[in-house]
Amino acid sequence: LRGALLSEQIDIVWHGIANANNEEGRALAADDTLKPW
């Protein structure tokens, strides 16, 4: 799912990854190319 966002296959990631209490979520939070909501 994270890879699909970074490769622009999708525009938004949502349930299952976006909270910061998992590894992929923390990676998203640290990526300053992405917009947090």
All heavy atoms as atom14 arrays in JSON, in Angstrom:
{
  "sequence": "LRGALLSEQIDIVWHGIANANNEEGRALAADDTLKPW",
  "atom14_mask": [
    [1, 1, 1, 1, 1, 1, 1, 1, 0, 0, 0, 0, 0, 0],
    [1, 1, 1, 1, 1, 1, 1, 1, 1, 1, 1, 0, 0, 0],
    [1, 1, 1, 1, 0, 0, 0, 0, 0, 0, 0, 0, 0, 0],
    [1, 1, 1, 1, 1, 0, 0, 0, 0, 0, 0, 0, 0, 0],
    [1, 1, 1, 1, 1, 1, 1, 1, 0, 0, 0, 0, 0, 0],
    [1, 1, 1, 1, 1, 1, 1, 1, 0, 0, 0, 0, 0, 0],
    [1, 1, 1, 1, 1, 1, 0, 0, 0, 0, 0, 0, 0, 0],
    [1, 1, 1, 1, 1, 1, 1, 1, 1, 0, 0, 0, 0, 0],
    [1, 1, 1, 1, 1, 1, 1, 1, 1, 0, 0, 0, 0, 0],
    [1, 1, 1, 1, 1, 1, 1, 1, 0, 0, 0, 0, 0, 0],
    [1, 1, 1, 1, 1, 1, 1, 1, 0, 0, 0, 0, 0, 0],
    [1, 1, 1, 1, 1, 1, 1, 1, 0, 0, 0, 0, 0, 0],
    [1, 1, 1, 1, 1, 1, 1, 0, 0, 0, 0, 0, 0, 0],
    [1, 1, 1, 1, 1, 1, 1, 1, 1, 1, 1, 1, 1, 1],
    [1, 1, 1, 1, 1, 1, 1, 1, 1, 1, 0, 0, 0, 0],
    [1, 1, 1, 1, 0, 0, 0, 0, 0, 0, 0, 0, 0, 0],
    [1, 1, 1, 1, 1, 1, 1, 1, 0, 0, 0, 0, 0, 0],
    [1, 1, 1, 1, 1, 0, 0, 0, 0, 0, 0, 0, 0, 0],
    [1, 1, 1, 1, 1, 1, 1, 1, 0, 0, 0, 0, 0, 0],
    [1, 1, 1, 1, 1, 0, 0, 0, 0, 0, 0, 0, 0, 0],
    [1, 1, 1, 1, 1, 1, 1, 1, 0, 0, 0, 0, 0, 0],
    [1, 1, 1, 1, 1, 1, 1, 1, 0, 0, 0, 0, 0, 0],
    [1, 1, 1, 1, 1, 1, 1, 1, 1, 0, 0, 0, 0, 0],
    [1, 1, 1, 1, 1, 1, 1, 1, 1, 0, 0, 0, 0, 0],
    [1, 1, 1, 1, 0, 0, 0, 0, 0, 0, 0, 0, 0, 0],
    [1, 1, 1, 1, 1, 1, 1, 1, 1, 1, 1, 0, 0, 0],
    [1, 1, 1, 1, 1, 0, 0, 0, 0, 0, 0, 0, 0, 0],
    [1, 1, 1, 1, 1, 1, 1, 1, 0, 0, 0, 0, 0, 0],
    [1, 1, 1, 1, 1, 0, 0, 0, 0, 0, 0, 0, 0, 0],
    [1, 1, 1, 1, 1, 0, 0, 0, 0, 0, 0, 0, 0, 0],
    [1, 1, 1, 1, 1, 1, 1, 1, 0, 0, 0, 0, 0, 0],
    [1, 1, 1, 1, 1, 1, 1, 1, 0, 0, 0, 0, 0, 0],
    [1, 1, 1, 1, 1, 1, 1, 0, 0, 0, 0, 0, 0, 0],
    [1, 1, 1, 1, 1, 1, 1, 1, 0, 0, 0, 0, 0, 0],
    [1, 1, 1, 1, 1, 1, 1, 1, 1, 0, 0, 0, 0, 0],
    [1, 1, 1, 1, 1, 1, 1, 0, 0, 0, 0, 0, 0, 0],
    [1, 1, 1, 1, 1, 1, 1, 1, 1, 1, 1, 1, 1, 1]
  ],
  "atom14_positions": [
    [[0.83, -1.21, 0.0], [0.0, 0.0, 0.0], [0.86, 1.26, 0.0], [0.64, 2.19, -0.79], [-0.92, -0.02, 1.22], [-1.82, 1.2, 1.47], [-2.66, 1.51, 0.25], [-2.69, 0.97, 2.69], [0.0, 0.0, 0.0], [0.0, 0.0, 0.0], [0.0, 0.0, 0.0], [0.0, 0.0, 0.0], [0.0, 0.0, 0.0], [0.0, 0.0, 0.0]],
    [[1.87, 1.28, 0.86], [2.76, 2.44, 0.9], [3.49, 2.6, -0.44], [3.63, 3.71, -0.97], [3.76, 2.29, 2.04], [4.81, 3.4, 2.09], [5.64, 3.31, 3.36], [6.79, 4.17, 3.29], [8.06, 3.76, 3.19], [8.32, 2.46, 3.2], [9.06, 4.62, 3.13], [0.0, 0.0, 0.0], [0.0, 0.0, 0.0], [0.0, 0.0, 0.0]],
    [[3.95, 1.49, -1.0], [4.63, 1.55, -2.29], [3.74, 2.09, -3.39], [4.2, 2.84, -4.27], [0.0, 0.0, 0.0], [0.0, 0.0, 0.0], [0.0, 0.0, 0.0], [0.0, 0.0, 0.0], [0.0, 0.0, 0.0], [0.0, 0.0, 0.0], [0.0, 0.0, 0.0], [0.0, 0.0, 0.0], [0.0, 0.0, 0.0], [0.0, 0.0, 0.0]],
    [[2.44, 1.76, -3.34], [1.5, 2.25, -4.35], [1.37, 3.77, -4.27], [1.24, 4.45, -5.29], [0.15, 1.58, -4.18], [0.0, 0.0, 0.0], [0.0, 0.0, 0.0], [0.0, 0.0, 0.0], [0.0, 0.0, 0.0], [0.0, 0.0, 0.0], [0.0, 0.0, 0.0], [0.0, 0.0, 0.0], [0.0, 0.0, 0.0], [0.0, 0.0, 0.0]],
    [[1.41, 4.32, -3.06], [1.33, 5.77, -2.91], [2.6, 6.43, -3.43], [2.55, 7.4, -4.19], [1.11, 6.14, -1.45], [1.07, 7.64, -1.15], [-0.15, 8.29, -1.8], [1.09, 7.91, 0.34], [0.0, 0.0, 0.0], [0.0, 0.0, 0.0], [0.0, 0.0, 0.0], [0.0, 0.0, 0.0], [0.0, 0.0, 0.0], [0.0, 0.0, 0.0]],
    [[3.75, 5.9, -3.04], [5.02, 6.53, -3.43], [5.26, 6.44, -4.92], [5.94, 7.29, -5.49], [6.17, 5.87, -2.65], [6.1, 6.06, -1.12], [7.27, 5.34, -0.46], [6.11, 7.54, -0.75], [0.0, 0.0, 0.0], [0.0, 0.0, 0.0], [0.0, 0.0, 0.0], [0.0, 0.0, 0.0], [0.0, 0.0, 0.0], [0.0, 0.0, 0.0]],
    [[4.71, 5.41, -5.57], [4.88, 5.28, -7.03], [3.73, 5.92, -7.8], [3.63, 5.75, -9.01], [4.98, 3.79, -7.4], [3.8, 3.09, -7.05], [0.0, 0.0, 0.0], [0.0, 0.0, 0.0], [0.0, 0.0, 0.0], [0.0, 0.0, 0.0], [0.0, 0.0, 0.0], [0.0, 0.0, 0.0], [0.0, 0.0, 0.0], [0.0, 0.0, 0.0]],
    [[2.87, 6.65, -7.09], [1.78, 7.42, -7.68], [0.74, 6.55, -8.38], [0.02, 7.01, -9.28], [2.32, 8.48, -8.64], [3.24, 9.48, -7.94], [3.72, 10.58, -8.87], [3.48, 10.48, -10.09], [4.32, 11.54, -8.37], [0.0, 0.0, 0.0], [0.0, 0.0, 0.0], [0.0, 0.0, 0.0], [0.0, 0.0, 0.0], [0.0, 0.0, 0.0]],
    [[0.61, 5.29, -7.95], [-0.5, 4.46, -8.43], [-1.81, 4.89, -7.77], [-2.89, 4.68, -8.32], [-0.24, 2.99, -8.13], [1.0, 2.43, -8.81], [1.27, 1.01, -8.34], [0.4, 0.14, -8.39], [2.49, 0.77, -7.87], [0.0, 0.0, 0.0], [0.0, 0.0, 0.0], [0.0, 0.0, 0.0], [0.0, 0.0, 0.0], [0.0, 0.0, 0.0]],
    [[-1.7, 5.44, -6.57], [-2.85, 5.95, -5.84], [-2.51, 7.33, -5.3], [-1.34, 7.73, -5.25], [-3.26, 5.01, -4.67], [-2.09, 4.81, -3.7], [-3.78, 3.68, -5.19], [-2.45, 3.98, -2.48], [0.0, 0.0, 0.0], [0.0, 0.0, 0.0], [0.0, 0.0, 0.0], [0.0, 0.0, 0.0], [0.0, 0.0, 0.0], [0.0, 0.0, 0.0]],
    [[-3.54, 8.07, -4.88], [-3.36, 9.44, -4.39], [-3.35, 9.53, -2.87], [-2.78, 10.47, -2.32], [-4.49, 10.33, -4.92], [-4.51, 10.39, -6.43], [-3.58, 10.99, -7.0], [-5.44, 9.84, -7.04], [0.0, 0.0, 0.0], [0.0, 0.0, 0.0], [0.0, 0.0, 0.0], [0.0, 0.0, 0.0], [0.0, 0.0, 0.0], [0.0, 0.0, 0.0]],
    [[-4.03, 8.61, -2.2], [-4.24, 8.71, -0.75], [-4.09, 7.34, -0.11], [-4.55, 6.34, -0.69], [-5.66, 9.26, -0.45], [-5.86, 10.65, -1.06], [-5.95, 9.3, 1.05], [-7.32, 11.08, -1.12], [0.0, 0.0, 0.0], [0.0, 0.0, 0.0], [0.0, 0.0, 0.0], [0.0, 0.0, 0.0], [0.0, 0.0, 0.0], [0.0, 0.0, 0.0]],
    [[-3.48, 7.28, 1.07], [-3.55, 6.07, 1.9], [-4.35, 6.4, 3.14], [-4.32, 7.51, 3.65], [-2.17, 5.51, 2.28], [-1.42, 5.06, 1.06], [-1.36, 6.5, 3.09], [0.0, 0.0, 0.0], [0.0, 0.0, 0.0], [0.0, 0.0, 0.0], [0.0, 0.0, 0.0], [0.0, 0.0, 0.0], [0.0, 0.0, 0.0], [0.0, 0.0, 0.0]],
    [[-5.01, 5.39, 3.67], [-6.03, 5.6, 4.68], [-5.94, 4.46, 5.68], [-4.86, 4.13, 6.14], [-7.38, 5.7, 3.93], [-8.63, 5.92, 4.69], [-9.84, 5.35, 4.42], [-8.85, 6.79, 5.79], [-10.79, 5.81, 5.29], [-10.21, 6.69, 6.16], [-8.03, 7.62, 6.54], [-10.76, 7.4, 7.22], [-8.58, 8.33, 7.6], [-9.93, 8.22, 7.91]],
    [[-7.01, 3.78, 6.02], [-7.0, 2.78, 7.09], [-5.91, 1.73, 6.88], [-5.64, 1.3, 5.78], [-8.36, 2.08, 7.17], [-9.41, 2.89, 7.84], [-9.23, 3.45, 9.08], [-10.64, 3.26, 7.44], [-10.32, 4.11, 9.41], [-11.19, 4.02, 8.43], [0.0, 0.0, 0.0], [0.0, 0.0, 0.0], [0.0, 0.0, 0.0], [0.0, 0.0, 0.0]],
    [[-5.34, 1.29, 7.99], [-4.4, 0.18, 7.96], [-2.94, 0.59, 7.93], [-2.07, -0.23, 8.15], [0.0, 0.0, 0.0], [0.0, 0.0, 0.0], [0.0, 0.0, 0.0], [0.0, 0.0, 0.0], [0.0, 0.0, 0.0], [0.0, 0.0, 0.0], [0.0, 0.0, 0.0], [0.0, 0.0, 0.0], [0.0, 0.0, 0.0], [0.0, 0.0, 0.0]],
    [[-2.68, 1.87, 7.65], [-1.29, 2.27, 7.54], [-1.02, 3.66, 8.1], [0.08, 3.95, 8.55], [-0.84, 2.23, 6.05], [0.67, 2.43, 5.92], [-1.6, 3.25, 5.23], [1.18, 2.25, 4.51], [0.0, 0.0, 0.0], [0.0, 0.0, 0.0], [0.0, 0.0, 0.0], [0.0, 0.0, 0.0], [0.0, 0.0, 0.0], [0.0, 0.0, 0.0]],
    [[-2.03, 4.52, 8.14], [-1.75, 5.94, 8.34], [-1.48, 6.35, 9.77], [-0.98, 7.43, 10.02], [-2.91, 6.77, 7.78], [0.0, 0.0, 0.0], [0.0, 0.0, 0.0], [0.0, 0.0, 0.0], [0.0, 0.0, 0.0], [0.0, 0.0, 0.0], [0.0, 0.0, 0.0], [0.0, 0.0, 0.0], [0.0, 0.0, 0.0], [0.0, 0.0, 0.0]],
    [[-1.79, 5.51, 10.76], [-1.46, 5.88, 12.13], [0.0, 5.55, 12.43], [0.57, 4.6, 11.9], [-2.39, 5.16, 13.1], [-3.8, 5.73, 13.03], [-4.0, 6.93, 13.11], [-4.78, 4.86, 12.83], [0.0, 0.0, 0.0], [0.0, 0.0, 0.0], [0.0, 0.0, 0.0], [0.0, 0.0, 0.0], [0.0, 0.0, 0.0], [0.0, 0.0, 0.0]],
    [[0.59, 6.35, 13.29], [2.04, 6.29, 13.48], [2.5, 5.16, 14.38], [3.67, 5.08, 14.71], [2.51, 7.62, 14.05], [0.0, 0.0, 0.0], [0.0, 0.0, 0.0], [0.0, 0.0, 0.0], [0.0, 0.0, 0.0], [0.0, 0.0, 0.0], [0.0, 0.0, 0.0], [0.0, 0.0, 0.0], [0.0, 0.0, 0.0], [0.0, 0.0, 0.0]],
    [[1.58, 4.24, 14.78], [2.01, 3.17, 15.68], [2.34, 1.89, 14.93], [2.3, 0.81, 15.47], [0.95, 2.9, 16.76], [-0.41, 2.54, 16.16], [-0.53, 2.43, 14.95], [-1.4, 2.37, 17.01], [0.0, 0.0, 0.0], [0.0, 0.0, 0.0], [0.0, 0.0, 0.0], [0.0, 0.0, 0.0], [0.0, 0.0, 0.0], [0.0, 0.0, 0.0]],
    [[2.67, 2.0, 13.64], [3.24, 0.86, 12.92], [4.36, 1.37, 12.02], [4.47, 2.57, 11.76], [2.18, 0.08, 12.11], [1.5, 0.94, 11.06], [2.15, 1.53, 10.21], [0.17, 1.01, 11.11], [0.0, 0.0, 0.0], [0.0, 0.0, 0.0], [0.0, 0.0, 0.0], [0.0, 0.0, 0.0], [0.0, 0.0, 0.0], [0.0, 0.0, 0.0]],
    [[5.21, 0.46, 11.58], [6.42, 0.84, 10.86], [6.12, 1.62, 9.6], [6.74, 2.66, 9.32], [7.23, -0.42, 10.52], [8.53, -0.15, 9.79], [9.31, -1.42, 9.48], [8.91, -2.5, 9.96], [10.32, -1.32, 8.75], [0.0, 0.0, 0.0], [0.0, 0.0, 0.0], [0.0, 0.0, 0.0], [0.0, 0.0, 0.0], [0.0, 0.0, 0.0]],
    [[5.15, 1.15, 8.81], [4.84, 1.83, 7.56], [4.24, 3.21, 7.83], [4.52, 4.19, 7.13], [3.88, 0.98, 6.72], [4.44, -0.36, 6.3], [5.64, -0.25, 5.39], [5.82, 0.81, 4.76], [6.41, -1.21, 5.29], [0.0, 0.0, 0.0], [0.0, 0.0, 0.0], [0.0, 0.0, 0.0], [0.0, 0.0, 0.0], [0.0, 0.0, 0.0]],
    [[3.42, 3.31, 8.9], [2.83, 4.59, 9.25], [3.89, 5.6, 9.65], [3.82, 6.79, 9.29], [0.0, 0.0, 0.0], [0.0, 0.0, 0.0], [0.0, 0.0, 0.0], [0.0, 0.0, 0.0], [0.0, 0.0, 0.0], [0.0, 0.0, 0.0], [0.0, 0.0, 0.0], [0.0, 0.0, 0.0], [0.0, 0.0, 0.0], [0.0, 0.0, 0.0]],
    [[4.88, 5.16, 10.42], [5.96, 6.07, 10.82], [6.77, 6.52, 9.62], [7.24, 7.66, 9.55], [6.84, 5.4, 11.88], [6.18, 5.31, 13.25], [7.17, 4.94, 14.32], [7.66, 3.57, 14.18], [7.04, 2.51, 14.68], [5.91, 2.65, 15.35], [7.55, 1.3, 14.53], [0.0, 0.0, 0.0], [0.0, 0.0, 0.0], [0.0, 0.0, 0.0]],
    [[6.95, 5.61, 8.66], [7.68, 5.99, 7.44], [6.91, 7.05, 6.66], [7.5, 7.99, 6.12], [7.92, 4.75, 6.58], [0.0, 0.0, 0.0], [0.0, 0.0, 0.0], [0.0, 0.0, 0.0], [0.0, 0.0, 0.0], [0.0, 0.0, 0.0], [0.0, 0.0, 0.0], [0.0, 0.0, 0.0], [0.0, 0.0, 0.0], [0.0, 0.0, 0.0]],
    [[5.59, 6.94, 6.62], [4.78, 7.95, 5.95], [4.9, 9.3, 6.66], [5.05, 10.34, 6.03], [3.32, 7.51, 5.92], [2.95, 6.37, 4.97], [1.5, 5.98, 5.18], [3.18, 6.75, 3.52], [0.0, 0.0, 0.0], [0.0, 0.0, 0.0], [0.0, 0.0, 0.0], [0.0, 0.0, 0.0], [0.0, 0.0, 0.0], [0.0, 0.0, 0.0]],
    [[4.84, 9.25, 8.0], [4.91, 10.49, 8.78], [6.24, 11.21, 8.58], [6.3, 12.44, 8.65], [4.68, 10.19, 10.25], [0.0, 0.0, 0.0], [0.0, 0.0, 0.0], [0.0, 0.0, 0.0], [0.0, 0.0, 0.0], [0.0, 0.0, 0.0], [0.0, 0.0, 0.0], [0.0, 0.0, 0.0], [0.0, 0.0, 0.0], [0.0, 0.0, 0.0]],
    [[7.29, 10.45, 8.33], [8.62, 11.04, 8.18], [8.92, 11.49, 6.76], [9.94, 12.12, 6.51], [9.68, 10.03, 8.63], [0.0, 0.0, 0.0], [0.0, 0.0, 0.0], [0.0, 0.0, 0.0], [0.0, 0.0, 0.0], [0.0, 0.0, 0.0], [0.0, 0.0, 0.0], [0.0, 0.0, 0.0], [0.0, 0.0, 0.0], [0.0, 0.0, 0.0]],
    [[8.03, 11.19, 5.81], [8.26, 11.49, 4.4], [7.72, 12.89, 4.08], [6.51, 13.09, 4.0], [7.57, 10.45, 3.53], [7.99, 10.54, 2.07], [8.32, 11.65, 1.61], [7.97, 9.5, 1.37], [0.0, 0.0, 0.0], [0.0, 0.0, 0.0], [0.0, 0.0, 0.0], [0.0, 0.0, 0.0], [0.0, 0.0, 0.0], [0.0, 0.0, 0.0]],
    [[8.62, 13.86, 3.91], [8.16, 15.24, 3.72], [7.67, 15.52, 2.3], [7.29, 16.65, 1.98], [9.26, 16.23, 4.1], [10.54, 16.05, 3.31], [10.53, 15.29, 2.32], [11.56, 16.67, 3.68], [0.0, 0.0, 0.0], [0.0, 0.0, 0.0], [0.0, 0.0, 0.0], [0.0, 0.0, 0.0], [0.0, 0.0, 0.0], [0.0, 0.0, 0.0]],
    [[7.65, 14.5, 1.43], [7.07, 14.68, 0.1], [5.56, 14.45, 0.13], [4.87, 14.74, -0.85], [7.69, 13.72, -0.93], [7.32, 12.38, -0.61], [9.2, 13.86, -0.94], [0.0, 0.0, 0.0], [0.0, 0.0, 0.0], [0.0, 0.0, 0.0], [0.0, 0.0, 0.0], [0.0, 0.0, 0.0], [0.0, 0.0, 0.0], [0.0, 0.0, 0.0]],
    [[5.05, 13.91, 1.25], [3.63, 13.59, 1.37], [2.91, 14.64, 2.21], [3.51, 15.31, 3.05], [3.44, 12.21, 1.99], [4.1, 11.05, 1.26], [3.91, 9.76, 2.04], [3.53, 10.9, -0.16], [0.0, 0.0, 0.0], [0.0, 0.0, 0.0], [0.0, 0.0, 0.0], [0.0, 0.0, 0.0], [0.0, 0.0, 0.0], [0.0, 0.0, 0.0]],
    [[1.6, 14.77, 1.98], [0.78, 15.69, 2.76], [0.02, 14.91, 3.83], [-0.68, 13.94, 3.5], [-0.21, 16.43, 1.85], [0.45, 17.36, 0.86], [-0.57, 18.0, -0.06], [-1.43, 19.02, 0.62], [-2.26, 19.8, -0.34], [0.0, 0.0, 0.0], [0.0, 0.0, 0.0], [0.0, 0.0, 0.0], [0.0, 0.0, 0.0], [0.0, 0.0, 0.0]],
    [[0.16, 15.29, 5.1], [-0.61, 14.64, 6.15], [-1.98, 15.3, 6.32], [-2.13, 16.52, 6.15], [0.25, 14.86, 7.4], [0.94, 16.17, 7.14], [1.13, 16.27, 5.64], [0.0, 0.0, 0.0], [0.0, 0.0, 0.0], [0.0, 0.0, 0.0], [0.0, 0.0, 0.0], [0.0, 0.0, 0.0], [0.0, 0.0, 0.0], [0.0, 0.0, 0.0]],
    [[-2.98, 14.49, 6.67], [-4.33, 14.99, 6.94], [-4.81, 14.32, 8.21], [-4.58, 13.13, 8.43], [-5.28, 14.66, 5.79], [-4.83, 15.14, 4.45], [-3.97, 14.51, 3.59], [-5.22, 16.35, 3.8], [-3.8, 15.25, 2.45], [-4.56, 16.39, 2.54], [-6.06, 17.4, 4.14], [-4.71, 17.42, 1.65], [-6.23, 18.44, 3.24], [-5.56, 18.45, 2.01]]
  ]
}
